[in-house]
Amino acid sequence: MLHMKCYYLLPFLLLPGTLRCAAQSTLRFTLRQSPLLVVDAGADQTIPQGGRVVLGGALPASGGSGTFAYAWTPATGLDRSDVPHPTASPNQTTTYTLTVTDPGSCQKEARVTVTVSTPTPTAMAAAWDPWGLHLFPNPTHGVFTLASEHPMGTKILLLAVYSVLGQRVYAESILAGSHKLEQLIQLPPQAAGLYFVQITGQDVNRVFRLQVQ
């Protein structure tokens, strides 16, 4: 914002015949400029699936003039979008933009990326499986059954479905009992393609390829 003080001396001239006098005009400027607005969204960060992190640098905004207004976009995964240091817990890698506005309508932006790390499905170990776990039908239109050939005993299993990019698109807890397991799974709408289904629990770690049509 530019603040200006001006001092004016208006010119005048007396013609010859009475007094011989002339006035010279002088124009003075006093310039006051606020410091440049600086915005800091913080350093890029990596969190595990389900983790959280606080965004914003040590001074998210400095310079400018007066009180700042903050706006973070997108608001997905944020507890607040109008504060300097929101907490982010996105489900997938997201780049957030911080826009700061000062009372003089000066505006500036900065960006920060929160990377969500997930297990790489192709690197998941397929452990010994005495229960004969399997999926059917495969390929599927999004509805399939997780079954076992033998009783698994009482244990809680976590079923997680990952895209080929490592993004978790579905998760469900399953209680296995004294009978053969036969659990119907219905995925939310997904793009057709290859997915990985990971089953984990006590002494259980299996990965299956699932083709969604």
Protein backbone atom coordinates (compact mmCIF):
# COMPACT_ATOMS: atom_id res chain seq x y z
CA MET A 1 0.00 0.00 0.00
CA LEU A 2 1.31 3.45 -0.86
CA HIS A 3 0.85 6.32 1.57
CA MET A 4 1.59 9.78 0.25
CA LYS A 5 1.93 13.22 1.79
CA CYS A 6 2.04 16.17 -0.60
CA TYR A 7 3.00 19.77 0.05
CA TYR A 8 2.08 22.33 -2.62
CA LEU A 9 3.46 25.85 -3.17
CA LEU A 10 1.30 27.46 -5.83
CA PRO A 11 3.09 29.67 -8.36
CA PHE A 12 2.23 33.35 -8.72
CA LEU A 13 3.76 36.19 -10.68
CA LEU A 14 3.50 39.96 -10.25
CA LEU A 15 3.80 41.78 -13.53
CA PRO A 16 6.22 44.69 -13.93
CA GLY A 17 4.84 48.06 -12.99
CA THR A 18 4.36 47.65 -9.28
CA LEU A 19 6.68 45.13 -7.71
CA ARG A 20 9.24 43.03 -9.46
CA CYS A 21 8.76 39.70 -7.78
CA ALA A 22 8.40 36.10 -8.91
CA ALA A 23 7.62 32.93 -6.99
CA GLN A 24 9.03 29.52 -7.80
CA SER A 25 6.81 26.47 -7.21
CA THR A 26 8.11 23.56 -5.14
CA LEU A 27 6.47 20.13 -4.86
CA ARG A 28 7.47 17.79 -2.04
CA PHE A 29 6.48 14.09 -1.77
CA THR A 30 6.71 11.92 1.30
CA LEU A 31 6.36 8.25 0.35
CA ARG A 32 5.48 5.58 2.89
CA GLN A 33 5.32 2.02 1.55
CA SER A 34 4.39 -0.99 3.68
CA PRO A 35 6.83 -3.93 3.70
CA LEU A 36 6.24 -6.53 1.01
CA LEU A 37 3.75 -9.25 1.93
CA VAL A 38 5.52 -12.61 2.46
CA VAL A 39 3.61 -15.91 2.75
CA ASP A 40 5.05 -19.21 4.01
CA ALA A 41 2.91 -22.38 3.79
CA GLY A 42 5.66 -24.46 5.40
CA ALA A 43 7.85 -27.29 4.13
CA ASP A 44 6.50 -30.30 2.22
CA GLN A 45 5.74 -33.20 4.57
CA THR A 46 5.14 -36.95 4.42
CA ILE A 47 2.69 -38.74 6.71
CA PRO A 48 1.52 -42.35 6.96
CA GLN A 49 -2.01 -43.34 6.01
CA GLY A 50 -4.29 -41.99 8.75
CA GLY A 51 -1.64 -39.57 10.05
CA ARG A 52 -1.85 -35.81 10.48
CA VAL A 53 0.41 -32.78 10.30
CA VAL A 54 0.21 -29.04 11.10
CA LEU A 55 0.57 -26.76 8.07
CA GLY A 56 2.10 -23.30 7.85
CA GLY A 57 5.58 -21.93 8.42
CA ALA A 58 6.84 -20.33 11.63
CA LEU A 59 5.40 -17.05 10.29
CA PRO A 60 2.72 -17.96 7.73
CA ALA A 61 2.41 -14.25 6.85
CA SER A 62 4.59 -11.22 7.42
CA GLY A 63 5.00 -7.74 5.98
CA GLY A 64 1.96 -6.14 4.42
CA SER A 65 -0.20 -4.05 6.71
CA GLY A 66 -2.68 -4.77 9.46
CA THR A 67 -4.39 -8.06 10.27
CA PHE A 68 -4.18 -10.91 7.76
CA ALA A 69 -6.99 -13.08 6.40
CA TYR A 70 -6.04 -16.72 5.69
CA ALA A 71 -7.63 -19.13 3.20
CA TRP A 72 -6.39 -22.71 2.61
CA THR A 73 -7.57 -24.66 -0.43
CA PRO A 74 -8.67 -27.34 -0.90
CA ALA A 75 -10.38 -27.68 2.48
CA THR A 76 -10.43 -31.48 2.16
CA GLY A 77 -8.66 -33.10 5.11
CA LEU A 78 -8.30 -29.84 7.08
CA ASP A 79 -9.79 -29.13 10.51
CA ARG A 80 -10.00 -25.40 9.57
CA SER A 81 -9.34 -23.54 6.34
CA ASP A 82 -9.28 -19.97 7.73
CA VAL A 83 -6.47 -20.16 10.29
CA PRO A 84 -2.69 -19.77 9.86
CA HIS A 85 -1.86 -23.28 11.18
CA PRO A 86 -4.56 -25.84 10.29
CA THR A 87 -4.16 -29.57 10.95
CA ALA A 88 -4.19 -31.68 7.79
CA SER A 89 -5.10 -35.38 7.66
CA PRO A 90 -5.70 -36.12 3.97
CA ASN A 91 -6.41 -39.63 2.73
CA GLN A 92 -4.19 -39.13 -0.29
CA THR A 93 -1.31 -36.92 -1.37
CA THR A 94 -2.59 -33.33 -1.54
CA THR A 95 -1.10 -29.95 -2.43
CA TYR A 96 -2.56 -27.15 -0.32
CA THR A 97 -2.53 -23.47 -1.34
CA LEU A 98 -2.41 -20.75 1.31
CA THR A 99 -3.77 -17.38 0.20
CA VAL A 100 -3.14 -14.41 2.52
CA THR A 101 -4.90 -11.05 2.14
CA ASP A 102 -4.07 -7.89 4.10
CA PRO A 103 -6.45 -4.94 4.78
CA GLY A 104 -5.07 -3.12 1.75
CA SER A 105 -6.27 -5.98 -0.48
CA CYS A 106 -2.70 -7.06 -1.16
CA GLN A 107 -2.73 -10.82 -1.76
CA LYS A 108 -0.10 -13.51 -2.05
CA GLU A 109 -0.05 -17.33 -2.26
CA ALA A 110 2.22 -20.20 -1.20
CA ARG A 111 1.87 -23.96 -1.61
CA VAL A 112 2.78 -27.05 0.41
CA THR A 113 2.40 -30.73 -0.47
CA VAL A 114 1.45 -33.41 2.06
CA THR A 115 2.46 -36.83 0.76
CA VAL A 116 0.52 -39.79 2.17
CA SER A 117 2.67 -42.91 2.18
CA THR A 118 1.00 -46.30 1.81
CA PRO A 119 2.45 -49.79 1.62
CA THR A 120 3.42 -50.76 -1.91
CA PRO A 121 1.13 -53.68 -2.72
CA THR A 122 3.72 -55.49 -4.84
CA ALA A 123 6.11 -55.42 -1.87
CA MET A 124 3.65 -56.94 0.61
CA ALA A 125 4.74 -60.35 1.77
CA ALA A 126 2.45 -63.33 1.19
CA ALA A 127 2.82 -65.28 4.43
CA TRP A 128 2.19 -68.99 5.02
CA ASP A 129 -1.56 -69.64 4.72
CA PRO A 130 -2.92 -72.87 6.25
CA TRP A 131 -6.53 -71.64 5.96
CA GLY A 132 -6.78 -71.52 2.17
CA LEU A 133 -7.92 -67.91 1.84
CA HIS A 134 -9.24 -66.92 -1.58
CA LEU A 135 -11.44 -64.37 -3.37
CA PHE A 136 -14.28 -64.97 -5.81
CA PRO A 137 -15.47 -63.99 -8.33
CA ASN A 138 -12.34 -62.53 -9.86
CA PRO A 139 -12.69 -60.53 -12.12
CA THR A 140 -15.54 -58.74 -10.39
CA HIS A 141 -17.82 -55.76 -10.87
CA GLY A 142 -17.03 -54.59 -7.33
CA VAL A 143 -18.74 -57.28 -5.24
CA PHE A 144 -16.73 -60.33 -4.17
CA THR A 145 -16.40 -62.84 -1.33
CA LEU A 146 -13.42 -63.50 0.91
CA ALA A 147 -13.52 -67.17 1.90
CA SER A 148 -11.36 -69.78 3.63
CA GLU A 149 -11.17 -73.53 3.05
CA HIS A 150 -10.64 -74.19 6.76
CA PRO A 151 -11.84 -72.52 10.00
CA MET A 152 -9.48 -69.76 11.11
CA GLY A 153 -10.40 -69.63 14.78
CA THR A 154 -11.45 -66.42 16.45
CA LYS A 155 -9.38 -63.55 15.08
CA ILE A 156 -9.95 -60.08 13.70
CA LEU A 157 -8.81 -59.52 10.13
CA LEU A 158 -8.25 -56.25 8.32
CA LEU A 159 -9.11 -56.25 4.65
CA ALA A 160 -7.64 -53.31 2.68
CA VAL A 161 -7.91 -52.64 -1.04
CA TYR A 162 -5.21 -50.62 -2.84
CA SER A 163 -4.99 -49.15 -6.32
CA VAL A 164 -1.90 -49.82 -8.45
CA LEU A 165 -0.63 -46.39 -7.28
CA GLY A 166 -0.66 -47.56 -3.66
CA GLN A 167 -3.70 -45.51 -2.65
CA ARG A 168 -6.01 -47.26 -0.19
CA VAL A 169 -9.54 -47.13 -1.58
CA TYR A 170 -11.36 -49.38 0.90
CA ALA A 171 -10.87 -50.99 4.30
CA GLU A 172 -13.01 -53.22 6.52
CA SER A 173 -12.55 -55.22 9.73
CA ILE A 174 -13.74 -58.86 9.62
CA LEU A 175 -14.30 -61.19 12.56
CA ALA A 176 -13.29 -64.77 11.72
CA GLY A 177 -14.87 -67.48 13.87
CA SER A 178 -14.85 -71.22 14.38
CA HIS A 179 -16.40 -71.88 10.96
CA LYS A 180 -15.10 -71.41 7.47
CA LEU A 181 -14.89 -67.77 6.54
CA GLU A 182 -17.26 -66.44 3.88
CA GLN A 183 -17.46 -62.65 3.96
CA LEU A 184 -19.19 -60.64 1.24
CA ILE A 185 -17.32 -57.45 0.28
CA GLN A 186 -18.90 -54.61 -1.68
CA LEU A 187 -16.52 -51.93 -2.88
CA PRO A 188 -17.59 -48.33 -3.44
CA PRO A 189 -17.62 -47.38 -7.16
CA GLN A 190 -14.11 -47.71 -8.57
CA ALA A 191 -12.54 -47.26 -11.97
CA ALA A 192 -12.01 -50.50 -13.84
CA GLY A 193 -8.52 -51.93 -13.51
CA LEU A 194 -6.16 -53.90 -11.30
CA TYR A 195 -6.35 -53.64 -7.49
CA PHE A 196 -4.58 -55.36 -4.61
CA VAL A 197 -6.46 -56.86 -1.66
CA GLN A 198 -4.41 -57.26 1.52
CA ILE A 199 -5.62 -59.42 4.40
CA THR A 200 -3.79 -58.97 7.71
CA GLY A 201 -4.34 -60.20 11.25
CA GLN A 202 -2.85 -62.53 13.82
CA ASP A 203 -0.50 -64.81 11.83
CA VAL A 204 -2.18 -63.65 8.60
CA ASN A 205 -0.67 -61.59 5.78
CA ARG A 206 -1.99 -62.34 2.31
CA VAL A 207 -2.18 -60.23 -0.84
CA PHE A 208 -4.46 -60.98 -3.79
CA ARG A 209 -4.73 -59.38 -7.19
CA LEU A 210 -8.29 -58.29 -7.96
CA GLN A 211 -9.48 -57.26 -11.40
CA VAL A 212 -12.40 -54.81 -11.32
CA GLN A 213 -14.44 -54.57 -14.51
